[in-house]
Each structure stands twice: as structure tokens, then as C-alpha cells.
N, C-alpha and C. Protein backbone atom coordinates (compact mmCIF):
# COMPACT_ATOMS: atom_id res chain seq x y z
N MET A 1 0.89 -1.38 -0.53
CA MET A 1 0.37 0.09 -0.02
C MET A 1 0.83 0.56 -0.10
N GLU A 2 0.19 2.69 -0.51
CA GLU A 2 0.90 3.33 -1.10
C GLU A 2 1.06 4.26 1.05
N THR A 3 1.83 5.29 0.85
CA THR A 3 3.04 5.72 2.40
C THR A 3 1.47 6.46 2.45
N SER A 4 0.69 7.25 0.96
CA SER A 4 -0.07 8.61 1.11
C SER A 4 -1.50 7.95 1.28
N ALA A 5 -1.79 7.07 1.42
CA ALA A 5 -2.64 6.07 1.06
C ALA A 5 -2.99 5.42 3.32
N LEU A 6 -1.90 5.19 3.17
CA LEU A 6 -1.85 4.93 4.75
C LEU A 6 -1.92 6.18 5.53
N PHE A 7 -1.04 7.53 5.06
CA PHE A 7 -1.20 8.48 5.26
C PHE A 7 -2.56 9.65 5.12
N ASP A 8 -3.34 9.59 5.57
CA ASP A 8 -4.31 10.77 3.97
C ASP A 8 -4.62 12.16 5.04
N CYS A 9 -3.42 12.85 4.77
CA CYS A 9 -3.54 13.85 5.02
C CYS A 9 -5.06 14.73 5.66
N GLN A 10 -6.75 14.40 4.77
CA GLN A 10 -7.30 15.69 4.71
C GLN A 10 -8.12 14.46 6.39
N SER A 11 -7.42 13.75 6.46
CA SER A 11 -8.43 12.96 8.02
C SER A 11 -7.08 12.63 9.09
N CYS A 12 -6.15 13.63 8.89
CA CYS A 12 -5.45 14.16 9.66
C CYS A 12 -4.56 15.13 10.31
N GLY A 13 -4.12 15.99 9.60
CA GLY A 13 -4.07 17.50 10.15
C GLY A 13 -2.50 17.80 11.68
N ALA A 14 -2.61 16.68 12.23
CA ALA A 14 -0.91 16.88 12.89
C ALA A 14 -0.37 17.47 12.80
N CYS A 15 0.31 17.16 11.37
CA CYS A 15 1.44 18.51 10.75
C CYS A 15 1.33 20.21 11.10
N CYS A 16 -0.27 20.43 11.47
CA CYS A 16 -0.51 21.71 10.90
C CYS A 16 -0.69 22.52 12.15
N ALA A 17 -0.34 21.06 12.94
CA ALA A 17 -0.73 21.65 14.58
C ALA A 17 0.03 21.43 15.59
N TYR A 18 0.93 20.90 15.46
CA TYR A 18 2.17 20.80 15.67
C TYR A 18 2.77 21.62 16.71
N SER A 19 3.12 22.38 15.94
CA SER A 19 3.52 24.23 15.98
C SER A 19 3.05 25.23 16.50
N ARG A 20 3.98 25.76 17.39
CA ARG A 20 3.08 27.47 17.29
C ARG A 20 4.11 28.34 16.09
N PHE A 21 5.26 27.58 15.72
CA PHE A 21 6.29 28.76 14.77
C PHE A 21 6.65 27.16 13.32
N TRP A 22 5.44 26.72 13.47
CA TRP A 22 5.77 25.90 12.00
C TRP A 22 4.94 25.58 11.38
N PRO A 23 4.04 26.65 10.01
CA PRO A 23 5.57 26.45 9.71
C PRO A 23 5.53 27.93 9.15
N ARG A 24 7.39 28.12 8.98
CA ARG A 24 7.38 28.80 8.92
C ARG A 24 7.77 29.66 7.75
N PHE A 25 8.05 30.47 6.59
CA PHE A 25 8.72 31.30 6.17
C PHE A 25 10.15 31.03 5.79
N SER A 26 10.49 29.75 4.52
CA SER A 26 12.20 30.20 5.13
C SER A 26 12.85 30.50 3.13
N LEU A 27 11.52 30.10 2.55
CA LEU A 27 12.06 29.56 1.15
C LEU A 27 11.09 31.34 0.21
N GLU A 28 9.74 31.69 0.98
CA GLU A 28 9.17 32.17 -0.25
C GLU A 28 9.64 33.08 -0.08
N SER A 29 8.87 33.99 -1.49
CA SER A 29 9.23 35.62 -1.97
C SER A 29 8.23 36.69 -1.43
N GLU A 30 8.64 37.52 -1.26
CA GLU A 30 7.42 38.22 -0.37
C GLU A 30 6.29 37.81 -1.37
N GLU A 31 6.25 38.01 -3.22
CA GLU A 31 4.80 38.15 -3.03
C GLU A 31 4.21 36.49 -3.31
N GLU A 32 4.73 35.77 -2.70
CA GLU A 32 4.34 34.76 -2.38
C GLU A 32 3.62 34.42 -0.77
N ILE A 33 4.27 35.05 0.23
CA ILE A 33 3.81 35.53 1.39
C ILE A 33 2.66 36.50 1.43
N ALA A 34 2.69 37.05 0.29
CA ALA A 34 1.37 38.38 -0.52
C ALA A 34 0.15 37.99 -0.02
N ARG A 35 0.64 36.15 -1.27
CA ARG A 35 -1.01 34.86 -1.76
C ARG A 35 -1.51 34.85 -0.56
N ILE A 36 -1.09 34.92 0.27
CA ILE A 36 -1.48 34.04 1.76
C ILE A 36 -2.11 35.85 2.58
N PRO A 37 -4.04 35.64 2.73
CA PRO A 37 -4.83 36.55 2.95
C PRO A 37 -3.78 36.41 4.80
N ALA A 38 -4.11 37.86 4.99
CA ALA A 38 -2.96 38.53 6.34
C ALA A 38 -3.80 38.30 7.36
N ASP A 39 -4.51 37.27 7.38
CA ASP A 39 -4.61 36.93 8.51
C ASP A 39 -4.41 35.70 9.17
N PHE A 40 -3.91 34.98 7.39
CA PHE A 40 -3.19 34.01 7.99
C PHE A 40 -1.61 34.01 9.36
N VAL A 41 -2.06 35.61 8.86
CA VAL A 41 -0.08 35.53 8.40
C VAL A 41 0.93 36.09 9.80
N ASP A 42 1.81 35.47 10.82
CA ASP A 42 2.10 35.86 11.64
C ASP A 42 3.67 37.02 11.07
N ASP A 43 3.38 38.53 10.32
CA ASP A 43 4.09 38.94 10.75
C ASP A 43 5.65 38.90 11.35
N GLU A 44 4.22 39.08 12.98
CA GLU A 44 6.26 39.56 13.56
C GLU A 44 7.10 37.95 14.16
N ASN A 45 6.84 37.04 13.38
CA ASN A 45 6.92 36.02 13.67
C ASN A 45 7.75 34.82 12.76
N GLY A 46 7.50 36.01 11.39
CA GLY A 46 7.88 35.10 9.80
C GLY A 46 6.77 34.14 9.90
N CYS A 47 5.34 33.81 10.77
CA CYS A 47 5.48 32.43 10.47
C CYS A 47 3.86 32.44 9.88
N MET A 48 2.78 30.92 9.77
CA MET A 48 1.35 31.07 8.85
C MET A 48 1.18 31.76 11.55
N ARG A 49 0.11 32.75 11.07
CA ARG A 49 -0.77 32.58 12.77
C ARG A 49 -1.16 31.31 12.94
N SER A 50 -0.70 30.80 14.45
CA SER A 50 -1.47 29.84 15.24
C SER A 50 -1.96 30.49 16.09
N VAL A 51 -2.75 29.44 17.18
CA VAL A 51 -3.33 29.22 18.30
C VAL A 51 -4.11 28.33 18.57
N ASP A 52 -2.32 27.92 19.86
CA ASP A 52 -2.18 27.19 20.98
C ASP A 52 -1.94 25.72 19.67
N ASP A 53 -0.85 26.34 18.78
CA ASP A 53 0.32 25.63 17.72
C ASP A 53 -0.60 24.91 17.04
N ARG A 54 -1.42 25.18 17.09
CA ARG A 54 -2.73 24.84 15.58
C ARG A 54 -2.70 26.76 14.44
N CYS A 55 -2.43 26.00 13.15
CA CYS A 55 -2.00 27.07 12.63
C CYS A 55 -3.15 26.92 11.96
N THR A 56 -4.42 28.27 11.88
CA THR A 56 -5.57 29.52 12.26
C THR A 56 -6.13 28.97 10.44
N ALA A 57 -5.69 28.48 9.81
CA ALA A 57 -5.92 27.76 8.31
C ALA A 57 -6.14 26.52 9.01
N LEU A 58 -6.09 26.23 9.39
CA LEU A 58 -6.58 24.79 9.24
C LEU A 58 -7.94 24.82 9.98
N ASP A 59 -9.09 24.21 9.09
CA ASP A 59 -10.19 23.68 9.21
C ASP A 59 -10.58 22.14 10.12
N GLY A 60 -11.57 21.94 10.63
CA GLY A 60 -12.11 20.40 10.85
C GLY A 60 -11.08 20.18 12.38
N ARG A 61 -11.52 19.22 12.65
CA ARG A 61 -11.67 18.37 13.45
C ARG A 61 -9.94 17.28 13.99
N LEU A 62 -9.18 17.57 14.12
CA LEU A 62 -7.70 16.97 14.06
C LEU A 62 -7.89 15.19 14.00
N GLY A 63 -8.04 14.81 13.13
CA GLY A 63 -8.02 13.06 13.01
C GLY A 63 -9.08 12.72 12.38
N ALA A 64 -9.54 13.78 12.03
CA ALA A 64 -11.28 13.37 11.66
C ALA A 64 -10.98 13.98 10.47
N HIS A 65 -11.40 14.69 10.28
CA HIS A 65 -11.50 15.61 9.13
C HIS A 65 -11.20 16.75 8.31
N VAL A 66 -10.34 17.43 8.20
CA VAL A 66 -9.36 18.66 8.69
C VAL A 66 -9.08 19.64 6.65
N ALA A 67 -9.40 20.20 6.65
CA ALA A 67 -8.85 20.89 5.16
C ALA A 67 -8.23 22.44 5.35
N CYS A 68 -7.12 22.93 4.64
CA CYS A 68 -6.88 23.71 4.61
C CYS A 68 -7.30 25.07 3.80
N ARG A 69 -7.53 26.48 4.81
CA ARG A 69 -8.48 27.38 4.65
C ARG A 69 -7.22 27.66 3.39
N VAL A 70 -6.49 27.65 3.09
CA VAL A 70 -4.95 28.39 2.50
C VAL A 70 -4.61 27.56 1.71
N TYR A 71 -4.91 26.31 0.91
CA TYR A 71 -4.17 24.94 0.61
C TYR A 71 -3.41 25.69 -1.54
N GLU A 72 -4.10 26.25 -2.17
CA GLU A 72 -3.94 27.51 -3.16
C GLU A 72 -2.25 27.80 -3.05
N VAL A 73 -2.13 28.66 -1.47
CA VAL A 73 -1.36 29.03 -1.56
C VAL A 73 -0.50 28.98 -0.79
N ARG A 74 -0.60 27.99 0.45
CA ARG A 74 -0.32 27.67 1.10
C ARG A 74 1.59 27.87 1.06
N PRO A 75 2.42 27.97 2.56
CA PRO A 75 3.64 27.96 2.10
C PRO A 75 4.28 26.89 2.29
N ILE A 76 6.09 26.61 1.67
CA ILE A 76 6.15 26.21 0.50
C ILE A 76 7.09 25.05 1.68
N VAL A 77 7.19 25.68 3.06
CA VAL A 77 7.20 23.95 3.43
C VAL A 77 6.19 23.28 4.27
N CYS A 78 4.81 23.97 3.77
CA CYS A 78 3.46 22.92 3.41
C CYS A 78 3.29 22.35 2.26
N ARG A 79 3.65 22.58 1.93
CA ARG A 79 3.56 21.90 -0.11
C ARG A 79 4.67 20.75 0.55
N ASP A 80 5.99 20.76 0.68
CA ASP A 80 7.01 20.22 0.90
C ASP A 80 6.49 18.58 1.76
N CYS A 81 6.40 18.96 2.78
CA CYS A 81 5.77 18.05 3.45
C CYS A 81 5.13 17.15 2.91
N GLN A 82 5.26 15.47 3.15
CA GLN A 82 4.37 14.65 2.90
C GLN A 82 3.80 13.05 2.92
N PRO A 83 3.02 12.97 2.94
CA PRO A 83 2.12 11.81 4.31
C PRO A 83 3.64 10.80 4.78
N GLY A 84 3.62 10.73 5.57
CA GLY A 84 4.59 9.83 6.10
C GLY A 84 6.14 9.74 6.05
N ASP A 85 6.24 10.96 5.85
CA ASP A 85 7.68 11.32 5.73
C ASP A 85 7.88 11.83 7.60
N ALA A 86 9.74 12.33 7.97
CA ALA A 86 10.24 12.32 8.99
C ALA A 86 8.71 13.58 9.63
N GLU A 87 8.61 14.67 9.09
CA GLU A 87 7.45 14.92 9.95
C GLU A 87 6.17 14.85 10.47
N CYS A 88 6.11 14.34 9.58
CA CYS A 88 4.39 13.93 9.45
C CYS A 88 4.73 13.01 10.56
N LEU A 89 5.42 12.03 10.76
CA LEU A 89 5.32 10.64 11.46
C LEU A 89 5.47 11.69 12.54
N THR A 90 6.58 12.69 13.02
CA THR A 90 6.79 13.44 14.46
C THR A 90 5.38 13.92 15.12
N ALA A 91 5.26 14.31 14.00
CA ALA A 91 3.08 15.35 14.37
C ALA A 91 2.74 14.51 14.83
N ARG A 92 2.92 12.99 13.91
CA ARG A 92 1.03 12.35 14.62
C ARG A 92 1.59 11.43 15.80
N LYS A 93 3.14 11.45 16.10
CA LYS A 93 3.64 11.16 17.18
C LYS A 93 2.52 11.49 18.07
N ARG A 94 2.74 12.84 18.35
CA ARG A 94 2.44 14.58 19.13
C ARG A 94 0.78 14.09 19.91
N PHE A 95 0.10 13.80 18.50
CA PHE A 95 -0.63 13.49 18.77
C PHE A 95 -1.29 11.79 19.06
N GLY A 96 -0.47 10.90 18.64
CA GLY A 96 -0.94 9.46 19.39
C GLY A 96 -1.89 9.14 18.39
N PHE A 97 -1.33 9.91 16.98
CA PHE A 97 -1.74 9.04 15.65
C PHE A 97 -0.99 7.84 15.49
N PRO A 98 -1.32 6.66 14.66
CA PRO A 98 -1.09 5.46 14.10
C PRO A 98 0.37 5.90 13.00
N VAL A 99 1.60 5.38 13.49
CA VAL A 99 2.22 6.01 12.56
C VAL A 99 3.41 4.52 11.88
């Protein structure tokens, strides 16, 4: 079975609720960051805005059904995170999800 089938992002969301300062903007141009609605950007810390470690762009319930409100313009670090990679597994472990 493919790794992506084992770890379905839309029924997880752990990586989007793992850390207050992740995802940080590191590779994005000013133009790319400007495409993200300002309500979801934490300019002071150079990352997506979070509340209690959870990205404010994440809708839904962790481990059940989630969706990203800015999916089309999400940061590069979010695009690079892949189902089953090291970051995914670390985040899933934090929430007690199967790895």
C-alpha cells in the first residue's frame, strides 16, 4: 500500500497543529507571502498565524476531517511536507495517531 494511502492528510491534520512556529517562511518570496490572506500570517514571527500550536488556516477536527483554508497559496514548507515523511510521523506521534 502507498504511504499516501496509509496517511491521509484530510483525515489527520497533525502537521498543521504541531508547533506554534511551524510552518515558518524561509523560502517564500514577498510576493508568495502576500498571496496568503493577512489574517493567517504572523508577520512578527515570519510564519503562519497559530492559536495553541494550531495553524489558523486549518479547518476541522484533528484525526477526523480537516482542510486547509489557504491550500492553493500555502507556504513551501507545507507543500514539501509529505504523508509518511519524518515531519509527518513526528507530528502524528505527538497526537497519538498511528505511525
